[in-house]
Amino acid sequence: MDTLEIFEQKLKISNQSIGTDEEKWDHMAKTYYHNQVHGSTYYSDAVPRLLEHKGILNKLSSVLDIGAGSGRYAIPLAKKCQSVHALDLKRLQL
C-alpha cells in the first residue's frame, strides 16, 4: 500500500460507533501535536501528491487552505499550483 492509498483510507467514512471515532480522534490529536512540535512532512507531501494524482491540483489551480496554521499544506501546495490563499484564526491574548 502506497502513501496515497493510506491517505485515502484515512478519509473514508467509518461505520464504527461514535465512541470509537472519538477515541480515534483523540489518538490522532496526540499524533498531530507531536508532529507539530517535532515536524513531519508525511501528510504535507502526501496531500499535494494525492490531489495531483486525482487530477484536482495542477499548475493552473487556485487553492484555499482554511485553518492553514503554520502553512504545513499551503507551502507545498504553492509549489504545485498558481496560487494559494491561506486562512487561519488568530487568537487574541487579553
Protein backbone atom coordinates (compact mmCIF):
# COMPACT_ATOMS: atom_id res chain seq x y z
CA MET A 1 0.00 0.00 0.00
CA ASP A 2 1.49 3.35 -1.01
CA THR A 3 1.12 6.73 0.69
CA LEU A 4 -1.85 7.78 -1.44
CA GLU A 5 -3.79 4.63 -0.59
CA ILE A 6 -3.11 5.09 3.12
CA PHE A 7 -4.31 8.69 2.99
CA GLU A 8 -7.46 7.69 1.07
CA GLN A 9 -8.21 5.05 3.73
CA LYS A 10 -7.95 7.70 6.45
CA LEU A 11 -10.53 9.84 4.62
CA LYS A 12 -13.14 7.08 4.30
CA ILE A 13 -16.29 7.33 6.41
CA SER A 14 -16.27 4.99 9.37
CA ASN A 15 -19.15 2.68 10.34
CA GLN A 16 -17.83 2.42 13.90
CA SER A 17 -19.65 3.77 16.93
CA ILE A 18 -19.27 7.42 17.88
CA GLY A 19 -17.29 6.42 20.98
CA THR A 20 -14.78 4.55 18.86
CA ASP A 21 -14.49 7.51 16.48
CA GLU A 22 -13.90 9.85 19.42
CA GLU A 23 -11.11 7.61 20.71
CA LYS A 24 -9.57 7.56 17.24
CA TRP A 25 -9.70 11.37 17.02
CA ASP A 26 -8.17 11.68 20.50
CA HIS A 27 -5.30 9.45 19.38
CA MET A 28 -4.91 11.41 16.14
CA ALA A 29 -4.80 14.67 18.12
CA LYS A 30 -1.82 13.38 20.11
CA THR A 31 -0.04 12.39 16.91
CA TYR A 32 -0.88 15.76 15.33
CA TYR A 33 0.53 17.63 18.34
CA HIS A 34 3.70 15.53 18.29
CA ASN A 35 4.18 16.26 14.58
CA GLN A 36 3.62 19.99 15.13
CA VAL A 37 6.30 20.06 17.82
CA HIS A 38 8.83 17.75 16.18
CA GLY A 39 8.00 18.27 12.50
CA SER A 40 6.69 15.78 10.00
CA THR A 41 6.42 16.02 6.23
CA TYR A 42 4.41 12.83 5.70
CA TYR A 43 1.00 14.42 5.14
CA SER A 44 2.30 17.73 3.82
CA ASP A 45 3.94 15.78 0.99
CA ALA A 46 1.13 13.22 0.55
CA VAL A 47 -1.75 15.70 0.23
CA PRO A 48 -0.42 17.55 -2.85
CA ARG A 49 0.55 14.23 -4.46
CA LEU A 50 -2.92 12.80 -3.86
CA LEU A 51 -4.59 15.91 -5.28
CA GLU A 52 -2.34 15.80 -8.35
CA HIS A 53 -2.93 12.07 -8.79
CA LYS A 54 -6.71 12.62 -8.68
CA GLY A 55 -6.46 15.45 -11.24
CA ILE A 56 -7.67 18.03 -8.73
CA LEU A 57 -4.43 20.03 -8.50
CA ASN A 58 -2.39 21.36 -11.41
CA LYS A 59 -0.26 24.37 -12.36
CA LEU A 60 -3.39 26.48 -13.03
CA SER A 61 -5.17 25.63 -9.76
CA SER A 62 -6.05 28.12 -7.04
CA VAL A 63 -6.24 26.65 -3.54
CA LEU A 64 -7.96 27.91 -0.39
CA ASP A 65 -6.35 26.42 2.73
CA ILE A 66 -8.76 27.01 5.62
CA GLY A 67 -7.18 26.56 9.05
CA ALA A 68 -3.74 26.86 7.50
CA GLY A 69 -1.84 27.29 10.75
CA SER A 70 1.87 27.47 10.03
CA GLY A 71 1.39 26.63 6.34
CA ARG A 72 2.10 22.91 6.56
CA TYR A 73 -0.03 22.32 3.42
CA ALA A 74 -0.08 25.82 1.92
CA ILE A 75 3.66 25.91 1.27
CA PRO A 76 3.95 22.54 -0.54
CA LEU A 77 0.73 23.29 -2.46
CA ALA A 78 2.07 26.69 -3.56
CA LYS A 79 4.94 24.91 -5.29
CA LYS A 80 2.49 22.98 -7.46
CA CYS A 81 -0.26 25.46 -8.37
CA GLN A 82 -0.92 29.03 -9.48
CA SER A 83 -1.99 30.48 -6.12
CA VAL A 84 -2.75 29.56 -2.52
CA HIS A 85 -4.80 31.61 -0.07
CA ALA A 86 -4.13 30.51 3.49
CA LEU A 87 -6.62 31.49 6.22
CA ASP A 88 -6.44 30.93 9.94
CA LEU A 89 -7.90 32.45 13.07
CA LYS A 90 -5.67 34.49 15.29
CA ARG A 91 -6.29 34.14 18.99
CA LEU A 92 -6.09 37.37 20.89
CA GLN A 93 -4.47 37.40 24.29
CA LEU A 94 -6.35 39.70 26.66
